[in-house]
Amino acid sequence: MSEEQLKAFLEAVKADAGLQEKLKAAGDADAVVEIAKAAGFAISAEELKKSQAEISEEELEGVAGGQIDWEWLG
């Protein structure tokens, strides 16, 4: 996964209520990876967890209005 893929995925989530709903229902990082893959983004659970610490709170708040529980990533 590249940082660009993750950022592009987050931007797509901000603009797509359907993706937001799917992420709210995601139970773990693997589910997020599958949602991203279905949307055309190449990210891995390991890299998602690693990069989660690098994503700013502001970026996370922008995704689904801060409604996604990202705690299960860490």
C-alpha atoms as a PDB file:
ATOM      1  CA  MET A   1       0.000   0.000   0.000  1.00  0.00           C
ATOM      2  CA  SER A   2       1.183   3.427  -0.697  1.00  0.00           C
ATOM      3  CA  GLU A   3       0.428   6.505   1.324  1.00  0.00           C
ATOM      4  CA  GLU A   4      -1.217   7.894  -1.796  1.00  0.00           C
ATOM      5  CA  GLN A   5      -3.627   4.942  -1.927  1.00  0.00           C
ATOM      6  CA  LEU A   6      -4.631   5.460   1.699  1.00  0.00           C
ATOM      7  CA  LYS A   7      -5.126   9.199   1.227  1.00  0.00           C
ATOM      8  CA  ALA A   8      -7.121   8.590  -1.943  1.00  0.00           C
ATOM      9  CA  PHE A   9      -9.282   6.072  -0.087  1.00  0.00           C
ATOM     10  CA  LEU A  10      -9.926   8.541   2.741  1.00  0.00           C
ATOM     11  CA  GLU A  11     -10.892  11.206   0.221  1.00  0.00           C
ATOM     12  CA  ALA A  12     -13.260   8.759  -1.468  1.00  0.00           C
ATOM     13  CA  VAL A  13     -14.830   7.937   1.903  1.00  0.00           C
ATOM     14  CA  LYS A  14     -15.379  11.626   2.655  1.00  0.00           C
ATOM     15  CA  ALA A  15     -17.315  11.980  -0.593  1.00  0.00           C
ATOM     16  CA  ASP A  16     -19.276   8.712  -0.486  1.00  0.00           C
ATOM     17  CA  ALA A  17     -21.980   8.109   2.124  1.00  0.00           C
ATOM     18  CA  GLY A  18     -22.177   4.463   1.064  1.00  0.00           C
ATOM     19  CA  LEU A  19     -18.505   3.898   1.892  1.00  0.00           C
ATOM     20  CA  GLN A  20     -18.996   5.709   5.193  1.00  0.00           C
ATOM     21  CA  GLU A  21     -21.799   3.323   6.138  1.00  0.00           C
ATOM     22  CA  LYS A  22     -19.730   0.289   5.175  1.00  0.00           C
ATOM     23  CA  LEU A  23     -16.811   1.507   7.291  1.00  0.00           C
ATOM     24  CA  LYS A  24     -19.075   2.126  10.271  1.00  0.00           C
ATOM     25  CA  ALA A  25     -20.062  -1.535  10.066  1.00  0.00           C
ATOM     26  CA  ALA A  26     -16.476  -2.774   9.612  1.00  0.00           C
ATOM     27  CA  GLY A  27     -15.403  -4.880  12.555  1.00  0.00           C
ATOM     28  CA  ASP A  28     -11.657  -4.925  11.995  1.00  0.00           C
ATOM     29  CA  ALA A  29      -8.820  -3.809   9.749  1.00  0.00           C
ATOM     30  CA  ASP A  30      -9.363  -6.766   7.404  1.00  0.00           C
ATOM     31  CA  ALA A  31     -12.929  -5.601   6.794  1.00  0.00           C
ATOM     32  CA  VAL A  32     -11.652  -2.095   5.990  1.00  0.00           C
ATOM     33  CA  VAL A  33      -9.142  -3.593   3.544  1.00  0.00           C
ATOM     34  CA  GLU A  34     -11.923  -5.510   1.793  1.00  0.00           C
ATOM     35  CA  ILE A  35     -14.081  -2.381   1.572  1.00  0.00           C
ATOM     36  CA  ALA A  36     -11.142  -0.444   0.145  1.00  0.00           C
ATOM     37  CA  LYS A  37     -10.358  -3.228  -2.336  1.00  0.00           C
ATOM     38  CA  ALA A  38     -13.965  -3.318  -3.531  1.00  0.00           C
ATOM     39  CA  ALA A  39     -13.747   0.443  -4.063  1.00  0.00           C
ATOM     40  CA  GLY A  40     -10.590   0.045  -6.156  1.00  0.00           C
ATOM     41  CA  PHE A  41      -7.891   0.872  -3.592  1.00  0.00           C
ATOM     42  CA  ALA A  42      -4.906  -1.344  -2.771  1.00  0.00           C
ATOM     43  CA  ILE A  43      -4.259  -1.216   0.964  1.00  0.00           C
ATOM     44  CA  SER A  44      -3.242  -3.943   3.421  1.00  0.00           C
ATOM     45  CA  ALA A  45      -4.359  -4.498   7.017  1.00  0.00           C
ATOM     46  CA  GLU A  46      -0.766  -4.366   8.267  1.00  0.00           C
ATOM     47  CA  GLU A  47      -0.011  -1.098   6.504  1.00  0.00           C
ATOM     48  CA  LEU A  48      -3.376   0.330   7.511  1.00  0.00           C
ATOM     49  CA  LYS A  49      -2.580  -0.332  11.158  1.00  0.00           C
ATOM     50  CA  LYS A  50       0.922   1.072  10.787  1.00  0.00           C
ATOM     51  CA  SER A  51      -0.197   4.204   9.020  1.00  0.00           C
ATOM     52  CA  GLN A  52      -3.151   4.785  11.356  1.00  0.00           C
ATOM     53  CA  ALA A  53      -0.811   6.508  13.792  1.00  0.00           C
ATOM     54  CA  GLU A  54       0.401   8.769  11.006  1.00  0.00           C
ATOM     55  CA  ILE A  55      -3.053   9.938   9.946  1.00  0.00           C
ATOM     56  CA  SER A  56      -3.907  13.192  11.630  1.00  0.00           C
ATOM     57  CA  GLU A  57      -6.918  13.486  13.897  1.00  0.00           C
ATOM     58  CA  GLU A  58      -8.211  16.152  11.526  1.00  0.00           C
ATOM     59  CA  GLU A  59      -8.177  13.690   8.628  1.00  0.00           C
ATOM     60  CA  LEU A  60      -9.959  11.075  10.720  1.00  0.00           C
ATOM     61  CA  GLU A  61     -12.578  13.575  11.870  1.00  0.00           C
ATOM     62  CA  GLY A  62     -13.233  14.415   8.237  1.00  0.00           C
ATOM     63  CA  VAL A  63     -14.070  10.811   7.440  1.00  0.00           C
ATOM     64  CA  ALA A  64     -17.743  10.166   8.125  1.00  0.00           C
ATOM     65  CA  GLY A  65     -17.878  13.177  10.401  1.00  0.00           C
ATOM     66  CA  GLY A  66     -15.675  11.369  12.894  1.00  0.00           C
ATOM     67  CA  GLN A  67     -18.207   8.582  13.270  1.00  0.00           C
ATOM     68  CA  ILE A  68     -15.843   5.702  12.532  1.00  0.00           C
ATOM     69  CA  ASP A  69     -14.359   3.909  15.528  1.00  0.00           C
ATOM     70  CA  TRP A  70     -10.703   3.599  14.552  1.00  0.00           C
ATOM     71  CA  GLU A  71      -9.657   2.153  17.938  1.00  0.00           C
ATOM     72  CA  TRP A  72      -9.747  -1.429  16.646  1.00  0.00           C
ATOM     73  CA  LEU A  73      -6.926  -0.558  14.244  1.00  0.00           C
ATOM     74  CA  GLY A  74      -4.421  -0.014  17.010  1.00  0.00           C
END
